[in-house]
C-alpha atoms as a PDB file:
ATOM      1  CA  UNK A   1      44.100-206.236-127.100  1.00  0.00           C
ATOM      2  CA  UNK A   2      40.756-204.492-127.125  1.00  0.00           C
ATOM      3  CA  UNK A   3      41.403-203.162-123.609  1.00  0.00           C
ATOM      4  CA  UNK A   4      44.746-201.715-124.662  1.00  0.00           C
ATOM      5  CA  UNK A   5      43.244-200.101-127.737  1.00  0.00           C
ATOM      6  CA  UNK A   6      40.512-198.544-125.635  1.00  0.00           C
ATOM      7  CA  UNK A   7      43.074-197.078-123.210  1.00  0.00           C
ATOM      8  CA  UNK A   8      45.055-195.553-126.070  1.00  0.00           C
ATOM      9  CA  UNK A   9      41.907-194.127-127.620  1.00  0.00           C
ATOM     10  CA  UNK A  10      40.878-192.614-124.284  1.00  0.00           C
ATOM     11  CA  UNK A  11      44.335-191.094-123.887  1.00  0.00           C
ATOM     12  CA  UNK A  12      44.144-189.558-127.380  1.00  0.00           C
ATOM     13  CA  UNK A  13      40.725-188.109-126.666  1.00  0.00           C
ATOM     14  CA  UNK A  14      41.968-186.614-123.398  1.00  0.00           C
ATOM     15  CA  UNK A  15      44.975-185.090-125.152  1.00  0.00           C
ATOM     16  CA  UNK A  16      42.691-183.705-127.856  1.00  0.00           C
ATOM     17  CA  UNK A  17      40.459-182.109-125.244  1.00  0.00           C
ATOM     18  CA  UNK A  18      43.412-180.606-123.418  1.00  0.00           C
ATOM     19  CA  UNK A  19      44.906-179.143-126.617  1.00  0.00           C
ATOM     20  CA  UNK A  20      41.497-177.821-127.673  1.00  0.00           C
ATOM     21  CA  UNK A  21      40.991-176.219-124.265  1.00  0.00           C
ATOM     22  CA  UNK A  22      44.461-174.683-124.390  1.00  0.00           C
ATOM     23  CA  UNK A  23      43.935-173.295-127.884  1.00  0.00           C
ATOM     24  CA  UNK A  24      40.558-171.926-126.896  1.00  0.00           C
ATOM     25  CA  UNK A  25      42.052-170.318-123.795  1.00  0.00           C
ATOM     26  CA  UNK A  26      44.835-168.745-125.887  1.00  0.00           C
ATOM     27  CA  UNK A  27      42.266-167.414-128.384  1.00  0.00           C
ATOM     28  CA  UNK A  28      40.191-165.860-125.616  1.00  0.00           C
ATOM     29  CA  UNK A  29      43.336-164.509-123.969  1.00  0.00           C
ATOM     30  CA  UNK A  30      44.432-162.960-127.265  1.00  0.00           C
ATOM     31  CA  UNK A  31      41.057-161.307-127.760  1.00  0.00           C
ATOM     32  CA  UNK A  32      41.066-159.915-124.218  1.00  0.00           C
ATOM     33  CA  UNK A  33      44.621-158.655-124.634  1.00  0.00           C
ATOM     34  CA  UNK A  34      43.925-156.874-127.911  1.00  0.00           C
ATOM     35  CA  UNK A  35      40.675-155.419-126.619  1.00  0.00           C
ATOM     36  CA  UNK A  36      42.474-154.207-123.501  1.00  0.00           C
ATOM     37  CA  UNK A  37      44.538-151.782-125.627  1.00  0.00           C
ATOM     38  CA  UNK A  38      41.957-151.158-128.323  1.00  0.00           C
ATOM     39  CA  UNK A  39      40.757-147.641-127.480  1.00  0.00           C
ATOM     40  CA  UNK A  40      43.507-145.992-125.481  1.00  0.00           C
ATOM     41  CA  UNK A  41      44.396-142.361-126.244  1.00  0.00           C
ATOM     42  CA  UNK A  42      46.785-139.916-124.609  1.00  0.00           C
ATOM     43  CA  UNK A  43      47.951-136.310-124.359  1.00  0.00           C
ATOM     44  CA  UNK A  44      51.536-135.315-123.528  1.00  0.00           C
ATOM     45  CA  UNK A  45      52.194-132.191-121.439  1.00  0.00           C
ATOM     46  CA  UNK A  46      55.765-130.887-121.345  1.00  0.00           C
ATOM     47  CA  UNK A  47      57.214-128.621-118.636  1.00  0.00           C
ATOM     48  CA  UNK A  48      58.465-125.183-119.679  1.00  0.00           C
ATOM     49  CA  UNK A  49      62.015-125.969-118.604  1.00  0.00           C
ATOM     50  CA  UNK A  50      63.876-129.126-119.655  1.00  0.00           C
ATOM     51  CA  UNK A  51      67.608-129.321-119.002  1.00  0.00           C
ATOM     52  CA  UNK A  52      70.350-131.464-120.495  1.00  0.00           C
ATOM     53  CA  UNK A  53      71.085-134.455-118.257  1.00  0.00           C
ATOM     54  CA  UNK A  54      68.558-133.449-115.580  1.00  0.00           C
ATOM     55  CA  UNK A  55      65.680-135.821-114.803  1.00  0.00           C
ATOM     56  CA  UNK A  56      62.380-134.209-115.766  1.00  0.00           C
ATOM     57  CA  UNK A  57      58.791-135.274-115.170  1.00  0.00           C
ATOM     58  CA  UNK A  58      56.681-135.388-118.327  1.00  0.00           C
ATOM     59  CA  UNK A  59      52.953-135.645-117.690  1.00  0.00           C
ATOM     60  CA  UNK A  60      50.950-138.046-119.857  1.00  0.00           C
ATOM     61  CA  UNK A  61      47.151-138.028-119.639  1.00  0.00           C
ATOM     62  CA  UNK A  62      45.893-141.498-120.586  1.00  0.00           C
ATOM     63  CA  UNK A  63      42.260-141.991-121.672  1.00  0.00           C
ATOM     64  CA  UNK A  64      40.248-145.196-121.890  1.00  0.00           C
ATOM     65  CA  UNK A  65      37.635-144.573-124.607  1.00  0.00           C
ATOM     66  CA  UNK A  66      35.864-147.891-123.958  1.00  0.00           C
ATOM     67  CA  UNK A  67      32.623-147.077-122.220  1.00  0.00           C
ATOM     68  CA  UNK A  68      32.334-150.076-119.893  1.00  0.00           C
ATOM     69  CA  UNK A  69      35.449-152.255-120.008  1.00  0.00           C
ATOM     70  CA  UNK A  70      38.518-151.272-117.963  1.00  0.00           C
ATOM     71  CA  UNK A  71      42.089-151.323-119.251  1.00  0.00           C
ATOM     72  CA  UNK A  72      44.344-153.382-117.000  1.00  0.00           C
ATOM     73  CA  UNK A  73      48.038-153.903-116.248  1.00  0.00           C
ATOM     74  CA  UNK A  74      49.309-151.018-118.375  1.00  0.00           C
ATOM     75  CA  UNK A  75      52.931-149.848-118.526  1.00  0.00           C
ATOM     76  CA  UNK A  76      53.915-146.659-120.353  1.00  0.00           C
ATOM     77  CA  UNK A  77      57.447-146.096-121.701  1.00  0.00           C
ATOM     78  CA  UNK A  78      58.941-142.844-123.014  1.00  0.00           C
ATOM     79  CA  UNK A  79      62.599-141.915-123.549  1.00  0.00           C
ATOM     80  CA  UNK A  80      63.757-144.665-121.205  1.00  0.00           C
ATOM     81  CA  UNK A  81      61.285-143.679-118.486  1.00  0.00           C
ATOM     82  CA  UNK A  82      58.612-146.147-117.377  1.00  0.00           C
ATOM     83  CA  UNK A  83      55.459-145.839-115.286  1.00  0.00           C
ATOM     84  CA  UNK A  84      52.711-148.352-114.484  1.00  0.00           C
ATOM     85  CA  UNK A  85      48.938-148.043-114.423  1.00  0.00           C
ATOM     86  CA  UNK A  86      47.341-151.176-112.890  1.00  0.00           C
ATOM     87  CA  UNK A  87      43.749-150.217-113.740  1.00  0.00           C
ATOM     88  CA  UNK A  88      42.028-147.579-115.870  1.00  0.00           C
ATOM     89  CA  UNK A  89      38.240-147.763-115.633  1.00  0.00           C
ATOM     90  CA  UNK A  90      36.022-147.590-118.680  1.00  0.00           C
ATOM     91  CA  UNK A  91      35.456-144.007-119.796  1.00  0.00           C
ATOM     92  CA  UNK A  92      38.056-142.784-117.317  1.00  0.00           C
ATOM     93  CA  UNK A  93      41.425-141.068-117.552  1.00  0.00           C
ATOM     94  CA  UNK A  94      44.526-140.823-115.414  1.00  0.00           C
ATOM     95  CA  UNK A  95      47.557-138.537-115.349  1.00  0.00           C
ATOM     96  CA  UNK A  96      50.916-140.326-115.218  1.00  0.00           C
ATOM     97  CA  UNK A  97      54.280-138.730-114.465  1.00  0.00           C
ATOM     98  CA  UNK A  98      57.142-140.227-116.502  1.00  0.00           C
ATOM     99  CA  UNK A  99      60.676-139.475-115.301  1.00  0.00           C
ATOM    100  CA  UNK A 100      62.723-138.711-118.436  1.00  0.00           C
ATOM    101  CA  UNK A 101      66.304-137.556-118.958  1.00  0.00           C
ATOM    102  CA  UNK A 102      67.310-135.917-122.249  1.00  0.00           C
ATOM    103  CA  UNK A 103      70.933-135.889-123.325  1.00  0.00           C
ATOM    104  CA  UNK A 104      72.328-132.922-125.224  1.00  0.00           C
ATOM    105  CA  UNK A 105      71.016-129.367-125.448  1.00  0.00           C
ATOM    106  CA  UNK A 106      69.141-127.996-128.445  1.00  0.00           C
ATOM    107  CA  UNK A 107      66.025-129.080-130.303  1.00  0.00           C
ATOM    108  CA  UNK A 108      65.181-132.731-129.686  1.00  0.00           C
ATOM    109  CA  UNK A 109      62.434-135.118-130.744  1.00  0.00           C
ATOM    110  CA  UNK A 110      60.158-136.593-128.125  1.00  0.00           C
ATOM    111  CA  UNK A 111      60.552-140.016-129.732  1.00  0.00           C
ATOM    112  CA  UNK A 112      58.448-143.141-129.297  1.00  0.00           C
ATOM    113  CA  UNK A 113      55.758-143.598-126.680  1.00  0.00           C
ATOM    114  CA  UNK A 114      54.910-147.242-126.055  1.00  0.00           C
ATOM    115  CA  UNK A 115      52.030-148.687-124.035  1.00  0.00           C
ATOM    116  CA  UNK A 116      52.555-152.316-122.933  1.00  0.00           C
ATOM    117  CA  UNK A 117      50.240-154.754-121.172  1.00  0.00           C
ATOM    118  CA  UNK A 118      50.554-158.340-119.911  1.00  0.00           C
ATOM    119  CA  UNK A 119      46.787-158.659-119.429  1.00  0.00           C
ATOM    120  CA  UNK A 120      45.106-161.096-118.899  1.00  0.00           C
ATOM    121  CA  UNK A 121      47.506-163.853-117.719  1.00  0.00           C
ATOM    122  CA  UNK A 122      50.931-162.176-117.615  1.00  0.00           C
ATOM    123  CA  UNK A 123      52.161-164.558-120.322  1.00  0.00           C
ATOM    124  CA  UNK A 124      52.129-162.499-123.526  1.00  0.00           C
ATOM    125  CA  UNK A 125      53.197-158.839-123.723  1.00  0.00           C
ATOM    126  CA  UNK A 126      51.116-156.763-126.124  1.00  0.00           C
ATOM    127  CA  UNK A 127      51.977-153.192-126.976  1.00  0.00           C
ATOM    128  CA  UNK A 128      51.013-150.071-128.891  1.00  0.00           C
ATOM    129  CA  UNK A 129      53.739-147.776-130.255  1.00  0.00           C
ATOM    130  CA  UNK A 130      53.297-144.115-131.202  1.00  0.00           C
ATOM    131  CA  UNK A 131      56.027-142.046-132.854  1.00  0.00           C
ATOM    132  CA  UNK A 132      55.935-138.513-131.449  1.00  0.00           C
ATOM    133  CA  UNK A 133      57.554-136.126-133.904  1.00  0.00           C
ATOM    134  CA  UNK A 134      57.064-133.194-131.556  1.00  0.00           C
ATOM    135  CA  UNK A 135      60.144-131.026-131.120  1.00  0.00           C
ATOM    136  CA  UNK A 136      61.228-129.863-127.671  1.00  0.00           C
ATOM    137  CA  UNK A 137      63.932-127.424-126.619  1.00  0.00           C
ATOM    138  CA  UNK A 138      66.479-128.715-124.105  1.00  0.00           C
ATOM    139  CA  UNK A 139      68.376-126.036-122.159  1.00  0.00           C
ATOM    140  CA  UNK A 140      72.010-126.405-121.041  1.00  0.00           C
ATOM    141  CA  UNK A 141      72.497-128.068-117.666  1.00  0.00           C
ATOM    142  CA  UNK A 142      72.863-125.352-114.974  1.00  0.00           C
ATOM    143  CA  UNK A 143      76.435-125.299-113.657  1.00  0.00           C
ATOM    144  CA  UNK A 144      77.045-123.226-110.480  1.00  0.00           C
ATOM    145  CA  UNK A 145      79.718-120.566-110.783  1.00  0.00           C
ATOM    146  CA  UNK A 146      81.066-118.030-108.289  1.00  0.00           C
ATOM    147  CA  UNK A 147      79.419-114.648-108.740  1.00  0.00           C
ATOM    148  CA  UNK A 148      82.735-112.828-108.253  1.00  0.00           C
ATOM    149  CA  UNK A 149      84.414-114.890-110.955  1.00  0.00           C
ATOM    150  CA  UNK A 150      81.434-114.307-113.243  1.00  0.00           C
ATOM    151  CA  UNK A 151      81.511-110.562-112.630  1.00  0.00           C
ATOM    152  CA  UNK A 152      85.209-110.447-113.428  1.00  0.00           C
ATOM    153  CA  UNK A 153      84.815-112.493-116.591  1.00  0.00           C
ATOM    154  CA  UNK A 154      81.484-112.066-118.305  1.00  0.00           C
ATOM    155  CA  UNK A 155      78.975-109.727-116.681  1.00  0.00           C
ATOM    156  CA  UNK A 156      78.755-106.037-117.531  1.00  0.00           C
ATOM    157  CA  UNK A 157      76.352-103.350-116.343  1.00  0.00           C
ATOM    158  CA  UNK A 158      73.579-102.409-118.723  1.00  0.00           C
ATOM    159  CA  UNK A 159      71.479 -99.236-118.793  1.00  0.00           C
ATOM    160  CA  UNK A 160      70.127 -98.147-115.445  1.00  0.00           C
ATOM    161  CA  UNK A 161      66.476 -98.981-114.837  1.00  0.00           C
ATOM    162  CA  UNK A 162      64.139 -96.042-115.172  1.00  0.00           C
ATOM    163  CA  UNK A 163      60.866 -97.750-114.324  1.00  0.00           C
ATOM    164  CA  UNK A 164      58.484 -96.462-111.730  1.00  0.00           C
ATOM    165  CA  UNK A 165      58.741 -98.163-108.352  1.00  0.00           C
ATOM    166  CA  UNK A 166      57.210 -98.171-104.900  1.00  0.00           C
ATOM    167  CA  UNK A 167      60.166 -97.538-102.579  1.00  0.00           C
ATOM    168  CA  UNK A 168      62.498 -94.943-104.159  1.00  0.00           C
ATOM    169  CA  UNK A 169      62.639 -91.132-104.199  1.00  0.00           C
ATOM    170  CA  UNK A 170      59.625 -89.004-105.081  1.00  0.00           C
ATOM    171  CA  UNK A 171      59.762 -88.069-108.765  1.00  0.00           C
ATOM    172  CA  UNK A 172      56.330 -86.540-109.416  1.00  0.00           C
ATOM    173  CA  UNK A 173      52.688 -86.354-108.265  1.00  0.00           C
ATOM    174  CA  UNK A 174      50.014 -87.649-110.591  1.00  0.00           C
ATOM    175  CA  UNK A 175      46.279 -88.384-110.640  1.00  0.00           C
ATOM    176  CA  UNK A 176      45.084 -91.567-108.961  1.00  0.00           C
ATOM    177  CA  UNK A 177      44.070 -94.122-111.617  1.00  0.00           C
ATOM    178  CA  UNK A 178      42.706 -96.848-109.333  1.00  0.00           C
ATOM    179  CA  UNK A 179      45.567 -99.320-109.652  1.00  0.00           C
ATOM    180  CA  UNK A 180      48.097 -97.732-107.296  1.00  0.00           C
ATOM    181  CA  UNK A 181      48.573 -98.947-103.708  1.00  0.00           C
ATOM    182  CA  UNK A 182      46.780 -96.807-101.114  1.00  0.00           C
ATOM    183  CA  UNK A 183      50.089 -96.039 -99.388  1.00  0.00           C
ATOM    184  CA  UNK A 184      51.098 -93.980-102.433  1.00  0.00           C
ATOM    185  CA  UNK A 185      48.179 -91.543-102.078  1.00  0.00           C
ATOM    186  CA  UNK A 186      49.467 -88.004-101.389  1.00  0.00           C
ATOM    187  CA  UNK A 187      46.804 -86.786 -98.934  1.00  0.00           C
ATOM    188  CA  UNK A 188      47.938 -83.167 -98.746  1.00  0.00           C
ATOM    189  CA  UNK A 189      47.989 -82.773-102.519  1.00  0.00           C
ATOM    190  CA  UNK A 190      44.638 -84.543-102.748  1.00  0.00           C
ATOM    191  CA  UNK A 191      43.113 -82.074-100.294  1.00  0.00           C
ATOM    192  CA  UNK A 192      44.437 -79.095-102.252  1.00  0.00           C
ATOM    193  CA  UNK A 193      43.167 -80.338-105.613  1.00  0.00           C
ATOM    194  CA  UNK A 194      39.911 -81.841-104.362  1.00  0.00           C
ATOM    195  CA  UNK A 195      40.777 -85.160-106.045  1.00  0.00           C
ATOM    196  CA  UNK A 196      43.025 -88.070-105.206  1.00  0.00           C
ATOM    197  CA  UNK A 197      46.690 -87.670-106.084  1.00  0.00           C
ATOM    198  CA  UNK A 198      49.396 -90.325-105.920  1.00  0.00           C
ATOM    199  CA  UNK A 199      53.151 -90.193-105.552  1.00  0.00           C
ATOM    200  CA  UNK A 200      55.375 -91.665-108.278  1.00  0.00           C
ATOM    201  CA  UNK A 201      58.616 -93.013-106.845  1.00  0.00           C
ATOM    202  CA  UNK A 202      61.781 -94.022-108.590  1.00  0.00           C
ATOM    203  CA  UNK A 203      62.605 -97.709-108.691  1.00  0.00           C
ATOM    204  CA  UNK A 204      65.200 -99.262-106.411  1.00  0.00           C
ATOM    205  CA  UNK A 205      65.704-102.175-108.778  1.00  0.00           C
ATOM    206  CA  UNK A 206      69.379-103.077-109.090  1.00  0.00           C
ATOM    207  CA  UNK A 207      71.007-102.139-112.395  1.00  0.00           C
ATOM    208  CA  UNK A 208      70.509-104.695-115.168  1.00  0.00           C
ATOM    209  CA  UNK A 209      73.266-107.138-116.057  1.00  0.00           C
ATOM    210  CA  UNK A 210      74.452-108.457-119.413  1.00  0.00           C
ATOM    211  CA  UNK A 211      76.004-111.933-119.496  1.00  0.00           C
ATOM    212  CA  UNK A 212      78.564-112.929-122.104  1.00  0.00           C
ATOM    213  CA  UNK A 213      78.838-116.738-121.842  1.00  0.00           C
ATOM    214  CA  UNK A 214      81.902-116.872-124.079  1.00  0.00           C
ATOM    215  CA  UNK A 215      83.868-114.906-121.472  1.00  0.00           C
ATOM    216  CA  UNK A 216      82.851-117.052-118.527  1.00  0.00           C
ATOM    217  CA  UNK A 217      85.321-119.562-117.047  1.00  0.00           C
ATOM    218  CA  UNK A 218      84.993-123.138-118.310  1.00  0.00           C
ATOM    219  CA  UNK A 219      86.918-125.878-120.066  1.00  0.00           C
ATOM    220  CA  UNK A 220      84.757-125.732-123.179  1.00  0.00           C
ATOM    221  CA  UNK A 221      81.722-124.061-124.740  1.00  0.00           C
ATOM    222  CA  UNK A 222      79.239-126.375-123.056  1.00  0.00           C
ATOM    223  CA  UNK A 223      80.538-125.552-119.574  1.00  0.00           C
ATOM    224  CA  UNK A 224      80.421-121.828-120.309  1.00  0.00           C
ATOM    225  CA  UNK A 225      76.839-122.055-121.561  1.00  0.00           C
ATOM    226  CA  UNK A 226      75.914-124.129-118.509  1.00  0.00           C
ATOM    227  CA  UNK A 227      77.426-121.479-116.255  1.00  0.00           C
ATOM    228  CA  UNK A 228      75.468-118.777-118.083  1.00  0.00           C
ATOM    229  CA  UNK A 229      72.296-120.836-117.623  1.00  0.00           C
ATOM    230  CA  UNK A 230      72.876-120.990-113.857  1.00  0.00           C
ATOM    231  CA  UNK A 231      73.596-117.258-113.697  1.00  0.00           C
ATOM    232  CA  UNK A 232      70.415-116.373-115.573  1.00  0.00           C
ATOM    233  CA  UNK A 233      68.271-118.489-113.270  1.00  0.00           C
ATOM    234  CA  UNK A 234      69.991-117.259-110.095  1.00  0.00           C
ATOM    235  CA  UNK A 235      70.035-113.559-110.950  1.00  0.00           C
ATOM    236  CA  UNK A 236      66.493-113.405-112.299  1.00  0.00           C
ATOM    237  CA  UNK A 237      65.199-115.315-109.293  1.00  0.00           C
ATOM    238  CA  UNK A 238      66.556-112.484-107.145  1.00  0.00           C
ATOM    239  CA  UNK A 239      64.699-109.914-109.276  1.00  0.00           C
ATOM    240  CA  UNK A 240      67.566-108.695-111.450  1.00  0.00           C
ATOM    241  CA  UNK A 241      67.083-107.685-115.079  1.00  0.00           C
ATOM    242  CA  UNK A 242      69.391-109.787-117.238  1.00  0.00           C
ATOM    243  CA  UNK A 243      70.516-109.574-120.854  1.00  0.00           C
ATOM    244  CA  UNK A 244      72.661-111.807-123.028  1.00  0.00           C
ATOM    245  CA  UNK A 245      75.562-111.248-125.391  1.00  0.00           C
ATOM    246  CA  UNK A 246      76.201-114.239-127.655  1.00  0.00           C
ATOM    247  CA  UNK A 247      78.804-113.524-130.278  1.00  0.00           C
ATOM    248  CA  UNK A 248      77.402-110.759-132.468  1.00  0.00           C
ATOM    249  CA  UNK A 249      73.865-111.270-131.164  1.00  0.00           C
ATOM    250  CA  UNK A 250      72.530-109.389-128.175  1.00  0.00           C
ATOM    251  CA  UNK A 251      69.321-109.652-126.137  1.00  0.00           C
ATOM    252  CA  UNK A 252      68.599-106.534-124.103  1.00  0.00           C
ATOM    253  CA  UNK A 253      68.245-106.854-120.348  1.00  0.00           C
ATOM    254  CA  UNK A 254      64.751-107.407-119.028  1.00  0.00           C
ATOM    255  CA  UNK A 255      62.932-109.398-116.364  1.00  0.00           C
ATOM    256  CA  UNK A 256      59.998-111.763-116.119  1.00  0.00           C
ATOM    257  CA  UNK A 257      59.322-115.397-116.922  1.00  0.00           C
ATOM    258  CA  UNK A 258      58.930-115.099-120.728  1.00  0.00           C
ATOM    259  CA  UNK A 259      62.219-113.192-120.928  1.00  0.00           C
ATOM    260  CA  UNK A 260      64.021-115.840-118.885  1.00  0.00           C
ATOM    261  CA  UNK A 261      62.782-118.582-121.208  1.00  0.00           C
ATOM    262  CA  UNK A 262      63.928-116.521-124.190  1.00  0.00           C
ATOM    263  CA  UNK A 263      67.446-116.243-122.746  1.00  0.00           C
ATOM    264  CA  UNK A 264      67.630-119.954-121.934  1.00  0.00           C
ATOM    265  CA  UNK A 265      66.351-120.772-125.421  1.00  0.00           C
ATOM    266  CA  UNK A 266      69.119-118.675-126.970  1.00  0.00           C
ATOM    267  CA  UNK A 267      71.697-120.626-124.952  1.00  0.00           C
ATOM    268  CA  UNK A 268      70.147-123.935-126.040  1.00  0.00           C
ATOM    269  CA  UNK A 269      70.255-123.035-129.734  1.00  0.00           C
ATOM    270  CA  UNK A 270      73.651-121.333-129.821  1.00  0.00           C
ATOM    271  CA  UNK A 271      76.059-122.929-132.319  1.00  0.00           C
ATOM    272  CA  UNK A 272      73.911-126.031-132.457  1.00  0.00           C
ATOM    273  CA  UNK A 273      71.953-127.555-135.333  1.00  0.00           C
ATOM    274  CA  UNK A 274      68.560-129.202-134.796  1.00  0.00           C
ATOM    275  CA  UNK A 275      68.856-132.557-133.028  1.00  0.00           C
ATOM    276  CA  UNK A 276      66.806-135.658-133.334  1.00  0.00           C
ATOM    277  CA  UNK A 277      66.444-137.943-130.351  1.00  0.00           C
END
């Protein structure tokens, strides 16, 4: 009887030790897991152009503000996109590219950014969630359209360009200001006037174009706006000045990156209230 009681008592003590060890291990694991995410910070950098239904890379700069301890086994989620960061050293930072696809043009919300970690034993998943109320503008998805069909339906000539150029006919001779190419120096005139003179040439830039999306071919408004988006990108890439006619609103033809973004923004906002993701 005494032998049996001793065996039972030994078994109970062993079970007690095992449970105590397990609870202690879970407590240490919980502390390590919480500390692993304790001082993480981030910055989100958006590209200038985001299109409806087109996968876009959003750059997230992740910082570990702990001076010595690394952050391990991190996974970042944003708008359905996911990227992993196995190790972020103490005091370090890393740039992560998250592949994200937004649905629907117009103003959207960036939504929730979540940082998960299974550290230290891949048993519990701990996470931090941040609600990003930042608004972004999603452009229509570019839809290729035949240039002849577009010209017949929705593109009209604007005012002819009158800017100075480098390849056209000679329009006048002026004083050299220091910014003109050397090939434009008029050597004979410079010799006569005892100072450098330059030639001003007319521009050979093609006449500007005005796009009316509502006249473009398409089954609905979204397809017409998508076609206009493709035309703007294609024509301006080739150096054309492009304008936009949207209902009663008109944006005069111009060129350059800021102007292109302005045109695409007008397409994104047309007949569309502010969205939330």
